[in-house]
Protein backbone atom coordinates (compact mmCIF):
# COMPACT_ATOMS: atom_id res chain seq x y z
CA MET A 1 121.02 118.08 116.32
CA ALA A 2 123.41 118.44 113.54
CA ASP A 3 124.68 114.55 113.65
CA GLU A 4 120.88 113.10 113.08
CA PRO A 5 120.26 112.59 109.43
CA GLU A 6 117.94 114.39 107.72
CA HIS A 7 114.35 112.56 107.10
CA ARG A 8 113.24 112.19 103.49
CA ALA A 9 109.97 114.15 102.79
CA GLU A 10 107.85 110.85 102.62
CA HIS A 11 108.55 110.52 106.44
CA SER A 12 106.69 113.50 107.37
CA ALA A 13 103.30 112.78 108.94
CA PRO A 14 100.70 114.42 106.61
CA LEU A 15 98.15 112.02 107.70
CA PRO A 16 96.23 112.10 111.10
CA ALA A 17 97.85 110.24 114.07
CA ALA A 18 96.46 106.90 115.00
CA PRO A 19 94.49 107.45 118.34
CA ARG A 20 96.08 105.27 121.15
CA ARG A 21 93.95 102.29 122.05
CA GLY A 22 93.07 101.27 125.32
CA PRO A 23 91.55 97.97 126.87
CA GLY A 24 88.04 97.28 125.23
CA GLN A 25 88.69 99.71 122.34
CA PRO A 26 88.09 98.68 118.50
CA LYS A 27 91.19 98.01 116.39
CA TYR A 28 92.57 100.89 114.57
CA VAL A 29 90.91 101.39 111.11
CA VAL A 30 92.33 103.82 108.55
CA PRO A 31 89.93 106.88 108.66
CA LYS A 32 88.20 107.30 105.51
CA ASP A 33 89.23 110.82 104.44
CA SER A 34 92.73 109.31 104.77
CA VAL A 35 92.19 106.14 102.53
CA PRO A 36 92.65 108.25 99.22
CA GLU A 37 95.98 109.73 100.81
CA VAL A 38 97.14 106.49 101.61
CA ILE A 39 96.42 104.91 98.29
CA ALA A 40 97.98 107.86 96.31
CA ALA A 41 101.09 107.07 98.58
CA ILE A 42 101.15 103.39 97.81
CA ARG A 43 100.89 104.19 93.91
CA GLN A 44 103.65 106.79 94.04
CA GLY A 45 105.92 104.05 95.32
CA LYS A 46 106.33 104.98 98.95
CA SER A 47 107.75 102.81 101.40
CA GLU A 48 105.27 100.51 103.54
CA VAL A 49 107.14 101.59 106.76
CA SER A 50 107.00 105.50 105.84
CA ILE A 51 103.01 104.99 105.37
CA ALA A 52 102.59 103.32 108.76
CA ARG A 53 104.73 106.17 110.11
CA ALA A 54 102.41 108.52 108.64
CA LEU A 55 99.20 107.18 109.77
CA GLY A 56 100.85 106.83 113.35
CA VAL A 57 100.53 103.21 113.60
CA ASN A 58 103.42 100.48 113.90
CA TYR A 59 104.49 98.12 111.27
CA ARG A 60 102.66 95.13 112.84
CA THR A 61 99.26 97.13 112.79
CA TRP A 62 99.83 98.12 109.25
CA GLY A 63 100.63 94.57 108.42
CA ARG A 64 96.96 93.87 109.60
CA LEU A 65 95.41 96.89 107.67
CA LYS A 66 97.03 95.80 104.48
CA VAL A 67 95.23 92.33 104.80
CA GLU A 68 91.91 93.42 106.30
CA ASP A 69 91.03 96.87 104.64
CA GLU A 70 90.27 95.17 100.75
CA ARG A 71 90.98 99.25 99.48
CA ILE A 72 94.60 99.17 100.90
CA ALA A 73 95.10 95.43 99.66
CA SER A 74 94.30 96.13 96.15
CA ALA A 75 95.98 99.43 95.76
CA LEU A 76 99.19 97.40 96.94
CA ALA A 77 98.51 94.42 94.60
CA GLU A 78 98.02 97.34 91.74
CA ALA A 79 101.21 99.09 92.30
CA ARG A 80 103.21 95.90 93.00
CA LYS A 81 101.83 94.43 89.86
CA PHE A 82 102.60 98.05 88.09
CA GLU A 83 106.18 97.94 89.48
CA GLU A 84 106.80 94.54 88.36
CA ASP A 85 105.68 95.15 84.54
CA GLU A 86 107.88 98.53 84.51
CA LEU A 87 111.02 96.38 85.68
CA VAL A 88 110.44 93.58 83.49
CA GLY A 89 110.17 95.78 80.34
CA LEU A 90 113.44 97.38 81.77
CA LEU A 91 115.34 94.11 82.13
CA MET A 92 114.11 92.82 78.93
CA ASP A 93 115.29 96.38 77.13
CA LYS A 94 118.90 95.75 78.56
CA ALA A 95 118.74 92.11 78.04
CA ARG A 96 117.79 92.82 74.43
CA ALA A 97 120.85 95.39 74.20
CA GLY A 98 123.27 92.50 75.00
CA ASP A 99 123.76 93.32 78.89
CA THR A 100 125.05 89.74 79.98
CA THR A 101 124.02 90.05 83.72
CA SER A 102 120.57 91.32 82.62
CA ILE A 103 120.24 88.18 80.18
CA ILE A 104 121.50 85.67 83.05
CA PHE A 105 118.88 87.06 85.26
CA ALA A 106 116.20 87.05 82.89
CA LEU A 107 116.85 83.46 82.18
CA LYS A 108 116.91 82.34 85.48
CA GLY A 109 114.15 84.46 86.94
CA ARG A 110 111.70 84.15 84.25
CA HIS A 111 112.98 80.50 82.42
CA GLY A 112 113.95 78.47 85.55
CA TYR A 113 117.43 78.27 84.53
CA ARG A 114 120.07 77.43 87.15
CA ASP A 115 123.93 77.73 87.56
CA GLN A 116 124.15 73.91 87.35
CA GLY A 117 121.81 71.49 85.74
CA ALA A 118 118.41 71.80 83.53
CA PRO A 119 115.87 74.57 84.49
CA GLN A 120 113.84 73.55 87.35
CA GLY A 121 111.01 71.08 86.50
CA GLY A 122 112.70 69.72 83.75
CA THR A 123 113.34 65.97 82.80
CA GLU A 124 116.82 65.80 82.91
CA GLN A 125 118.89 62.98 81.54
CA ARG A 126 122.22 62.64 83.41
CA VAL A 127 124.89 59.98 82.66
CA ASN A 128 126.45 58.44 85.92
CA VAL A 129 130.12 57.49 85.10
CA THR A 130 131.96 55.34 88.14
CA ILE A 131 135.84 54.88 87.72
CA ASN A 132 136.97 52.08 90.07
CA LEU A 133 140.84 52.59 91.04
CA PRO A 134 142.69 49.49 92.81
CA GLY A 135 143.41 49.94 96.51
CA ALA A 136 146.57 50.80 97.78
CA GLN A 137 149.51 48.29 97.37
CA ALA A 138 152.79 47.40 99.22
CA SER A 139 154.80 48.23 96.47
CA VAL A 140 154.96 50.21 92.93
CA ASP A 141 155.58 46.85 91.47
CA ASP A 142 152.26 44.83 93.03
CA TYR A 143 150.06 48.53 92.17
CA MET A 144 151.53 47.87 88.37
CA ARG A 145 150.74 44.55 88.30
CA THR A 146 147.12 45.01 89.58
CA VAL A 147 146.65 47.67 87.16
CA GLU A 148 147.96 45.73 84.01
CA GLY A 149 145.67 42.56 85.41
CA ALA A 150 142.80 44.99 85.41
CA SER A 151 143.48 46.14 81.88
CA ARG A 152 143.56 42.73 80.22
């Protein structure tokens, strides 16, 4: 159909589809021969949705798999750490080059700065100023007498 969007290559299903589970059947586990392909997809930065689709499982099953399968959990943690290191490096390069947005983001994200007040966790000393104004008066003359009397 011409109106349907084209699917990206990562959405194709190179991995074997998961068999349908009936009552009393064990939970789906990633087949041993598919684990290297799943880990490679994770390291390439493929989306978790596309990996689940390639395995032929729904996203809830993928959520269980990535917690229960230590190989997958480890590969995800490793890929996220690598990505974070790369992004922090790029952010710091832009901040050092004077990109104001990057500087602000780095200060907020890495050093706890906020738009108002001291950094989070700081021991901030604030001055509290209270200004007392006289209440409403019946006339301007009464108001002026009250103000003059308070300033003495």
